Structure formats: C-alpha cells, structure tokens
Protein backbone atom coordinates (compact mmCIF):
# COMPACT_ATOMS: atom_id res chain seq x y z
CA ALA A 1 4.48 -38.99 32.82
CA THR A 2 2.55 -40.30 35.76
CA THR A 3 2.56 -37.94 38.74
CA THR A 4 1.33 -38.15 42.29
CA ASN A 5 -0.53 -35.28 43.92
CA GLU A 6 0.98 -34.37 47.26
CA ILE A 7 -1.96 -33.19 49.33
CA ALA A 8 -1.58 -31.31 52.57
CA CYS A 9 -4.54 -32.67 54.51
CA GLY A 10 -3.69 -30.42 57.40
CA SER A 11 -1.06 -28.12 58.76
CA LEU A 12 0.64 -27.33 62.01
CA SER A 13 -1.69 -26.51 64.87
CA SER A 14 -0.66 -22.86 64.69
CA CYS A 15 -1.75 -22.54 61.05
CA THR A 16 -4.98 -21.04 59.86
CA ASN A 17 -7.25 -23.04 57.57
CA ARG A 18 -6.61 -20.43 54.92
CA SER A 19 -2.84 -20.93 54.99
CA TRP A 20 -2.82 -24.71 54.57
CA ARG A 21 -5.56 -24.63 51.96
CA ALA A 22 -3.53 -22.16 49.94
CA ALA A 23 -0.45 -24.34 50.25
CA ALA A 24 -2.38 -27.44 49.20
CA PHE A 25 -3.80 -25.56 46.20
CA LEU A 26 -0.31 -24.56 45.08
CA LEU A 27 0.93 -28.13 45.42
CA LEU A 28 -1.98 -29.42 43.35
CA ARG A 29 -1.41 -26.84 40.62
CA GLN A 30 2.14 -28.09 40.24
CA SER A 31 0.85 -31.56 39.32
CA THR A 32 -0.73 -32.64 36.06
CA SER A 33 -4.38 -33.64 36.00
CA HIS A 34 -3.94 -36.91 34.10
CA SER A 35 -2.73 -40.35 35.22
CA VAL A 36 -3.02 -39.34 38.87
CA ARG A 37 -2.73 -42.04 41.51
CA ILE A 38 -5.85 -41.69 43.64
CA ARG A 39 -5.36 -42.96 47.17
CA ARG A 40 -7.91 -43.36 49.94
CA PRO A 41 -6.65 -44.22 53.43
CA MET A 42 -8.68 -46.61 55.56
CA VAL A 43 -8.25 -44.21 58.49
CA GLU A 44 -7.96 -40.45 58.19
CA LEU A 45 -6.51 -38.25 60.90
CA GLN A 46 -7.63 -34.71 61.55
CA ILE A 47 -5.67 -31.78 62.91
CA GLY A 48 -5.97 -31.77 66.70
CA ASP A 49 -6.66 -35.51 67.01
CA ILE A 50 -4.73 -37.37 69.68
CA ALA A 51 -1.86 -39.12 67.90
CA PRO A 52 -2.22 -42.92 68.13
CA ASP A 53 0.31 -44.22 70.63
CA PHE A 54 2.73 -46.90 69.50
CA SER A 55 5.69 -49.04 70.50
CA LEU A 56 7.79 -50.34 67.60
CA PRO A 57 11.27 -51.84 67.30
CA ASP A 58 13.97 -50.00 65.41
CA GLY A 59 16.86 -51.40 63.41
CA ALA A 60 18.93 -51.87 66.57
CA GLY A 61 16.15 -53.91 68.19
CA GLU A 62 15.35 -51.13 70.65
CA THR A 63 11.71 -50.31 71.35
CA VAL A 64 10.63 -46.78 70.42
CA ARG A 65 7.55 -45.49 72.22
CA LEU A 66 5.76 -42.35 71.12
CA SER A 67 4.92 -41.56 74.75
CA ASP A 68 8.64 -41.18 75.48
CA PHE A 69 8.72 -38.12 73.21
CA ARG A 70 6.01 -36.12 74.94
CA GLY A 71 7.26 -32.54 75.10
CA ARG A 72 8.97 -32.81 71.71
CA SER A 73 7.59 -32.61 68.22
CA VAL A 74 7.77 -35.80 66.13
CA VAL A 75 7.80 -36.32 62.37
CA LEU A 76 6.84 -39.74 61.00
CA PHE A 77 7.35 -40.61 57.35
CA PHE A 78 5.75 -43.81 56.09
CA TYR A 79 7.36 -45.53 53.11
CA PRO A 80 6.87 -48.89 51.34
CA GLU A 81 10.26 -50.62 51.29
CA ASP A 82 13.90 -50.20 52.33
CA ASP A 83 16.62 -49.58 49.75
CA THR A 84 14.35 -49.02 46.77
CA PRO A 85 14.95 -45.97 44.55
CA GLY A 86 12.04 -43.81 45.70
CA CYS A 87 12.29 -44.74 49.36
CA THR A 88 16.05 -44.18 49.34
CA GLN A 89 15.56 -40.73 47.84
CA GLN A 90 12.95 -39.92 50.49
CA ALA A 91 15.02 -41.16 53.44
CA CYS A 92 18.21 -39.47 52.22
CA GLY A 93 16.26 -36.23 51.86
CA PHE A 94 15.33 -36.36 55.53
CA ARG A 95 18.98 -37.12 56.26
CA ASP A 96 20.19 -34.12 54.28
CA ASP A 97 17.71 -31.79 56.01
CA PHE A 98 18.12 -33.36 59.44
CA ALA A 99 19.78 -30.23 60.89
CA ALA A 100 16.55 -28.30 60.31
CA PHE A 101 14.60 -30.81 62.42
CA ARG A 102 17.27 -30.76 65.11
CA ASN A 103 16.92 -26.97 65.28
CA LEU A 104 13.17 -27.46 65.75
CA ASN A 105 13.80 -30.04 68.50
CA ALA A 106 11.87 -32.51 66.38
CA ALA A 107 12.44 -36.27 66.39
CA VAL A 108 12.26 -37.97 62.98
CA PHE A 109 11.31 -41.61 62.37
CA GLY A 110 10.80 -43.59 59.19
CA VAL A 111 8.18 -46.35 59.34
CA SER A 112 7.71 -49.28 56.97
CA PRO A 113 6.67 -52.96 57.06
CA ASP A 114 10.32 -54.06 56.69
CA GLY A 115 11.97 -56.08 59.45
CA VAL A 116 14.61 -54.82 61.87
CA THR A 117 17.48 -56.49 59.97
CA SER A 118 16.50 -54.74 56.76
CA HIS A 119 16.21 -51.44 58.61
CA ALA A 120 19.65 -51.83 60.17
CA ALA A 121 21.24 -52.43 56.77
CA PHE A 122 19.37 -49.53 55.13
CA LYS A 123 20.29 -47.13 57.93
CA LYS A 124 23.98 -48.13 57.81
CA LYS A 125 24.24 -48.07 54.02
CA PHE A 126 23.00 -44.49 53.73
CA ASP A 127 24.21 -43.17 57.09
CA LEU A 128 20.73 -42.18 58.22
CA PRO A 129 20.81 -40.13 61.46
CA PHE A 130 17.34 -41.21 62.62
CA SER A 131 15.72 -44.52 63.54
CA LEU A 132 13.66 -46.66 61.16
CA LEU A 133 10.73 -48.41 62.83
CA SER A 134 9.50 -51.87 61.88
CA ASP A 135 5.74 -52.44 61.55
CA PRO A 136 5.33 -55.79 59.71
CA GLU A 137 1.75 -56.21 60.91
CA LYS A 138 0.96 -52.70 59.65
CA LYS A 139 -0.98 -51.78 62.79
CA VAL A 140 0.67 -48.39 63.24
CA ILE A 141 0.76 -47.79 59.50
CA THR A 142 -3.01 -48.35 59.41
CA ALA A 143 -3.68 -46.28 62.54
CA TYR A 144 -1.94 -43.31 60.92
CA GLY A 145 -3.89 -43.64 57.68
CA ALA A 146 -0.92 -44.81 55.63
CA TRP A 147 -2.64 -47.99 54.45
CA GLY A 148 -5.54 -47.96 52.03
CA GLU A 149 -6.89 -48.15 48.51
CA LYS A 150 -4.81 -47.12 45.51
CA LEU A 151 -6.03 -46.62 41.97
CA LEU A 152 -2.95 -47.08 39.81
CA TYR A 153 -3.12 -47.45 36.03
CA GLY A 154 -6.81 -48.21 36.35
CA GLN A 155 -6.35 -51.03 38.86
CA LYS A 156 -7.53 -50.84 42.47
CA THR A 157 -5.08 -52.22 45.01
CA ILE A 158 -4.58 -52.01 48.75
CA GLY A 159 -1.18 -50.92 49.97
CA LEU A 160 0.97 -48.37 51.72
CA ILE A 161 0.18 -44.72 51.04
CA ARG A 162 3.36 -42.69 51.24
CA SER A 163 2.59 -40.20 54.02
CA SER A 164 4.24 -37.78 56.41
CA ILE A 165 2.76 -36.88 59.79
CA ILE A 166 3.66 -34.09 62.21
CA ILE A 167 2.91 -34.69 65.91
CA THR A 168 3.00 -31.74 68.29
CA PRO A 169 4.76 -31.83 71.69
CA ASP A 170 1.42 -32.34 73.45
CA GLY A 171 0.80 -35.53 71.49
CA LYS A 172 -1.67 -34.23 68.92
CA ILE A 173 -1.76 -34.37 65.14
CA GLY A 174 -0.25 -31.16 63.79
CA GLY A 175 0.04 -32.01 60.10
CA VAL A 176 -1.06 -34.76 57.71
CA PHE A 177 0.48 -35.04 54.24
CA ARG A 178 -0.62 -37.78 51.82
CA ASN A 179 0.76 -38.92 48.46
CA VAL A 180 4.05 -37.19 49.20
CA ARG A 181 6.73 -36.86 46.54
CA THR A 182 9.95 -38.56 47.54
CA GLU A 183 12.24 -35.77 46.38
CA GLY A 184 12.36 -32.95 48.92
CA ASN A 185 9.88 -34.56 51.34
CA GLY A 186 12.09 -33.76 54.34
CA ARG A 187 12.59 -30.16 53.30
CA ARG A 188 8.87 -29.62 52.77
CA MET A 189 8.07 -31.06 56.21
CA ALA A 190 10.56 -28.69 57.83
CA GLU A 191 8.98 -25.83 55.91
CA ALA A 192 5.37 -27.02 56.32
CA PRO A 193 2.61 -24.38 55.96
CA GLY A 194 2.67 -21.99 58.91
CA LYS A 195 5.39 -21.87 61.54
CA TRP A 196 6.74 -24.36 64.00
CA VAL A 197 5.78 -22.29 67.05
CA TRP A 198 5.21 -24.18 70.31
C-alpha cells in the first residue's frame, strides 16, 4: 500500500532539537520505504520564523486575521478539498480533539483553496467547532509552505501539501509538520513533541 511519511520539520519552541528529531525518526520508522510520496514545498518555514500574517474569509464571510490572535497559540491545518474522504477524516479528527486545544488556549483553523460557500456547507455537515478559511489564490497556502512539488506514482505534479503548523502566542513558528496523515492529525498536534509551555 502507498503510504505518506509524516515528517516533523520542527517542534514547539520549547523543544530541544534532540526531542523533535527523535519524534520524527519514530514517525518515519512507522512508514514503509516504498511508494513514498515525496513532497517539496516551494517555501519552507523554520522554527522561530515570524509567522506570515494573513487575512482570509471564513465560511460565514467574516475576515480572520492572524494578528487578532496575538497572545494565543494558533494551529493551522492545510488540506486539499472540502468533503472528500481524507480531508473529512482530518477535519473531524480536529473536531474530536478540540477540547485539548481549548485547554491549551489554542485557536484552530483549517485552510484550503475552497470557497466560502463550500466551507460553510462542510462546517455545518460535520459540526466543526472551528473556522475554515478560504484561500482560492493560494497565497497563504504558499507562504506557509503548503504548496509545492509532489512525486506521486512516478509523476511530478504541483499541488497542496497536507501540512499542519503551530504558531506561538508571540507570532512565531513553533512547529512545522509536512505530509501529515489524516487519521489522528489533530491528536498528534495536541501532543506534538515537547510541551505546550508558554
């Protein structure tokens, strides 16, 4: 079966390099070495970088600005398309583990190229407790390294790289996770390497 390596490109700002490298190694060992989807983002973020600011509409047509969440941690998960099997599993996982993020005082947002109408329907259908942000021009998706080259079944394509990003309360990149598995993505973000200590 084809598998996707979920690579922890970074960890929370309180983590040591040793801790996130160990976690990434364990994640890689759990995957097979054949038929791997290799993905290369056009932009790569590093731990401690200033998180790219953004203003995007949600499914209700309200504008969400990252700057409005200064002082809180933020989790962004980038996914390809509303109401598809993998993306539904991913979003519902964040829904099911939403209490953990609330306890961490963390805001959660899903981001995809879908329009606001699609987001509204997806959110309502699955009773998602967080906003879905619309980025049809893929500017924010690209700025966060979630757009790039994919090598799938021997063919190179450009598209969305399923990613999860942790932003610290001071507006910096605290964690970067690429090629994430849809199942359990929310739980793994809440239990990311290290501790959520701010």
